[in-house]
Amino acid sequence: MGYGARLAYGCNIGAYFSGIVSGSLHGWLWVVSAFFGNVLGTKLRPLFGLAVERVKNTGC
């Protein structure tokens, strides 16, 4: 994350917060992109053997 922040000349979360607060388009695009990136990443997890194990609820 630190290396990526250096390449981007700042932190991506900082770009999100400052973009949203200032009403800039890039902040809102960041939110949309992050949301769909997370959805896509979640769908691709089983492809890489990273499926979440389901634990049976015993109803303590």
N, C-alpha and C. Protein backbone atom coordinates (compact mmCIF):
# COMPACT_ATOMS: atom_id res chain seq x y z
N MET A 1 0.82 -1.18 0.00
CA MET A 1 0.00 0.00 0.00
C MET A 1 0.87 1.25 0.00
N GLY A 2 1.95 1.20 0.72
CA GLY A 2 2.81 2.37 0.77
C GLY A 2 3.43 2.68 -0.58
N TYR A 3 3.83 1.63 -1.29
CA TYR A 3 4.42 1.83 -2.61
C TYR A 3 3.39 2.38 -3.60
N GLY A 4 2.16 1.86 -3.51
CA GLY A 4 1.09 2.36 -4.38
C GLY A 4 0.76 3.81 -4.08
N ALA A 5 0.80 4.17 -2.81
CA ALA A 5 0.54 5.57 -2.44
C ALA A 5 1.62 6.49 -3.00
N ARG A 6 2.85 6.02 -3.01
CA ARG A 6 3.94 6.82 -3.57
C ARG A 6 3.79 6.98 -5.08
N LEU A 7 3.40 5.92 -5.75
CA LEU A 7 3.21 5.99 -7.20
C LEU A 7 2.07 6.94 -7.57
N ALA A 8 1.04 6.96 -6.74
CA ALA A 8 -0.14 7.78 -7.03
C ALA A 8 -0.01 9.19 -6.46
N TYR A 9 1.12 9.50 -5.84
CA TYR A 9 1.34 10.81 -5.20
C TYR A 9 0.30 11.10 -4.13
N GLY A 10 -0.01 10.11 -3.34
CA GLY A 10 -0.95 10.27 -2.24
C GLY A 10 -1.71 9.00 -1.97
N CYS A 11 -2.49 9.04 -0.95
CA CYS A 11 -3.25 7.87 -0.55
C CYS A 11 -4.60 7.85 -1.26
N ASN A 12 -5.02 6.67 -1.70
CA ASN A 12 -6.30 6.60 -2.40
C ASN A 12 -7.48 6.89 -1.49
N ILE A 13 -7.39 6.56 -0.22
CA ILE A 13 -8.46 6.89 0.72
C ILE A 13 -8.52 8.40 0.92
N GLY A 14 -7.37 9.04 0.95
CA GLY A 14 -7.34 10.50 1.04
C GLY A 14 -7.97 11.14 -0.18
N ALA A 15 -7.74 10.56 -1.34
CA ALA A 15 -8.35 11.08 -2.57
C ALA A 15 -9.86 10.92 -2.51
N TYR A 16 -10.32 9.83 -1.92
CA TYR A 16 -11.75 9.61 -1.78
C TYR A 16 -12.37 10.64 -0.84
N PHE A 17 -11.79 10.78 0.36
CA PHE A 17 -12.36 11.70 1.33
C PHE A 17 -12.32 13.15 0.85
N SER A 18 -11.18 13.57 0.34
CA SER A 18 -11.09 14.96 -0.12
C SER A 18 -11.94 15.18 -1.37
N GLY A 19 -12.09 14.17 -2.20
CA GLY A 19 -12.93 14.31 -3.39
C GLY A 19 -14.40 14.42 -3.05
N ILE A 20 -14.87 13.63 -2.10
CA ILE A 20 -16.26 13.67 -1.69
C ILE A 20 -16.57 15.01 -1.00
N VAL A 21 -15.69 15.42 -0.09
CA VAL A 21 -15.92 16.66 0.66
C VAL A 21 -15.95 17.87 -0.27
N SER A 22 -15.07 17.89 -1.26
CA SER A 22 -15.03 19.03 -2.17
C SER A 22 -16.07 18.94 -3.28
N GLY A 23 -16.81 17.83 -3.32
CA GLY A 23 -17.85 17.65 -4.34
C GLY A 23 -17.29 17.36 -5.72
N SER A 24 -16.07 16.89 -5.76
CA SER A 24 -15.41 16.62 -7.03
C SER A 24 -15.91 15.30 -7.63
N LEU A 25 -15.91 15.25 -8.93
CA LEU A 25 -16.36 14.05 -9.64
C LEU A 25 -15.47 12.85 -9.35
N HIS A 26 -14.16 13.07 -9.19
CA HIS A 26 -13.26 11.92 -9.00
C HIS A 26 -13.55 11.18 -7.70
N GLY A 27 -14.01 11.86 -6.68
CA GLY A 27 -14.35 11.20 -5.43
C GLY A 27 -15.53 10.25 -5.60
N TRP A 28 -16.53 10.70 -6.32
CA TRP A 28 -17.71 9.87 -6.56
C TRP A 28 -17.38 8.71 -7.50
N LEU A 29 -16.52 8.95 -8.48
CA LEU A 29 -16.09 7.86 -9.36
C LEU A 29 -15.29 6.82 -8.59
N TRP A 30 -14.53 7.28 -7.61
CA TRP A 30 -13.76 6.37 -6.77
C TRP A 30 -14.70 5.44 -6.02
N VAL A 31 -15.78 5.99 -5.45
CA VAL A 31 -16.73 5.18 -4.69
C VAL A 31 -17.35 4.11 -5.58
N VAL A 32 -17.81 4.51 -6.75
CA VAL A 32 -18.45 3.57 -7.68
C VAL A 32 -17.45 2.49 -8.11
N SER A 33 -16.24 2.91 -8.45
CA SER A 33 -15.22 1.96 -8.89
C SER A 33 -14.83 1.00 -7.76
N ALA A 34 -14.69 1.52 -6.56
CA ALA A 34 -14.33 0.67 -5.42
C ALA A 34 -15.43 -0.34 -5.13
N PHE A 35 -16.69 0.09 -5.22
CA PHE A 35 -17.80 -0.82 -4.96
C PHE A 35 -17.81 -1.97 -5.96
N PHE A 36 -17.76 -1.62 -7.25
CA PHE A 36 -17.81 -2.67 -8.26
C PHE A 36 -16.54 -3.52 -8.28
N GLY A 37 -15.41 -2.93 -7.92
CA GLY A 37 -14.18 -3.70 -7.80
C GLY A 37 -14.26 -4.72 -6.68
N ASN A 38 -14.90 -4.34 -5.57
CA ASN A 38 -15.09 -5.28 -4.47
C ASN A 38 -16.05 -6.39 -4.84
N VAL A 39 -17.11 -6.06 -5.55
CA VAL A 39 -18.06 -7.08 -5.99
C VAL A 39 -17.36 -8.07 -6.92
N LEU A 40 -16.61 -7.55 -7.88
CA LEU A 40 -15.88 -8.41 -8.82
C LEU A 40 -14.85 -9.27 -8.08
N GLY A 41 -14.11 -8.65 -7.17
CA GLY A 41 -13.12 -9.40 -6.41
C GLY A 41 -13.73 -10.52 -5.58
N THR A 42 -14.90 -10.25 -5.01
CA THR A 42 -15.59 -11.27 -4.23
C THR A 42 -16.04 -12.42 -5.10
N LYS A 43 -16.50 -12.11 -6.29
CA LYS A 43 -16.94 -13.16 -7.22
C LYS A 43 -15.77 -14.00 -7.73
N LEU A 44 -14.58 -13.39 -7.83
CA LEU A 44 -13.41 -14.09 -8.36
C LEU A 44 -12.64 -14.89 -7.30
N ARG A 45 -12.97 -14.73 -6.04
CA ARG A 45 -12.25 -15.43 -4.97
C ARG A 45 -12.18 -16.94 -5.17
N PRO A 46 -13.28 -17.62 -5.49
CA PRO A 46 -13.20 -19.08 -5.65
C PRO A 46 -12.26 -19.50 -6.78
N LEU A 47 -12.10 -18.66 -7.77
CA LEU A 47 -11.21 -18.97 -8.89
C LEU A 47 -9.77 -19.14 -8.43
N PHE A 48 -9.41 -18.44 -7.36
CA PHE A 48 -8.05 -18.48 -6.83
C PHE A 48 -7.94 -19.35 -5.57
N GLY A 49 -8.97 -20.14 -5.31
CA GLY A 49 -8.95 -21.01 -4.14
C GLY A 49 -9.12 -20.27 -2.84
N LEU A 50 -9.80 -19.14 -2.86
CA LEU A 50 -9.97 -18.33 -1.66
C LEU A 50 -11.42 -18.31 -1.19
N ALA A 51 -12.15 -19.38 -1.43
CA ALA A 51 -13.55 -19.44 -1.02
C ALA A 51 -13.65 -19.38 0.50
N VAL A 52 -14.69 -18.76 0.99
CA VAL A 52 -14.91 -18.64 2.42
C VAL A 52 -15.54 -19.94 2.93
N GLU A 53 -14.98 -20.46 4.02
CA GLU A 53 -15.53 -21.67 4.61
C GLU A 53 -16.77 -21.31 5.41
N ARG A 54 -17.80 -22.10 5.25
CA ARG A 54 -19.05 -21.90 6.00
C ARG A 54 -18.98 -22.72 7.28
N VAL A 55 -19.30 -22.08 8.40
CA VAL A 55 -19.32 -22.76 9.69
C VAL A 55 -20.76 -22.94 10.10
N LYS A 56 -21.10 -24.18 10.49
CA LYS A 56 -22.47 -24.47 10.88
C LYS A 56 -22.77 -23.79 12.22
N ASN A 57 -23.88 -23.06 12.28
CA ASN A 57 -24.30 -22.39 13.51
C ASN A 57 -24.94 -23.41 14.45
N THR A 58 -24.40 -23.52 15.65
CA THR A 58 -24.93 -24.52 16.61
C THR A 58 -26.02 -23.92 17.49
N GLY A 59 -26.26 -22.63 17.38
CA GLY A 59 -27.34 -22.00 18.15
C GLY A 59 -27.09 -22.01 19.65
N CYS A 60 -25.88 -21.64 20.06
CA CYS A 60 -25.50 -21.61 21.48
C CYS A 60 -26.66 -21.20 22.31
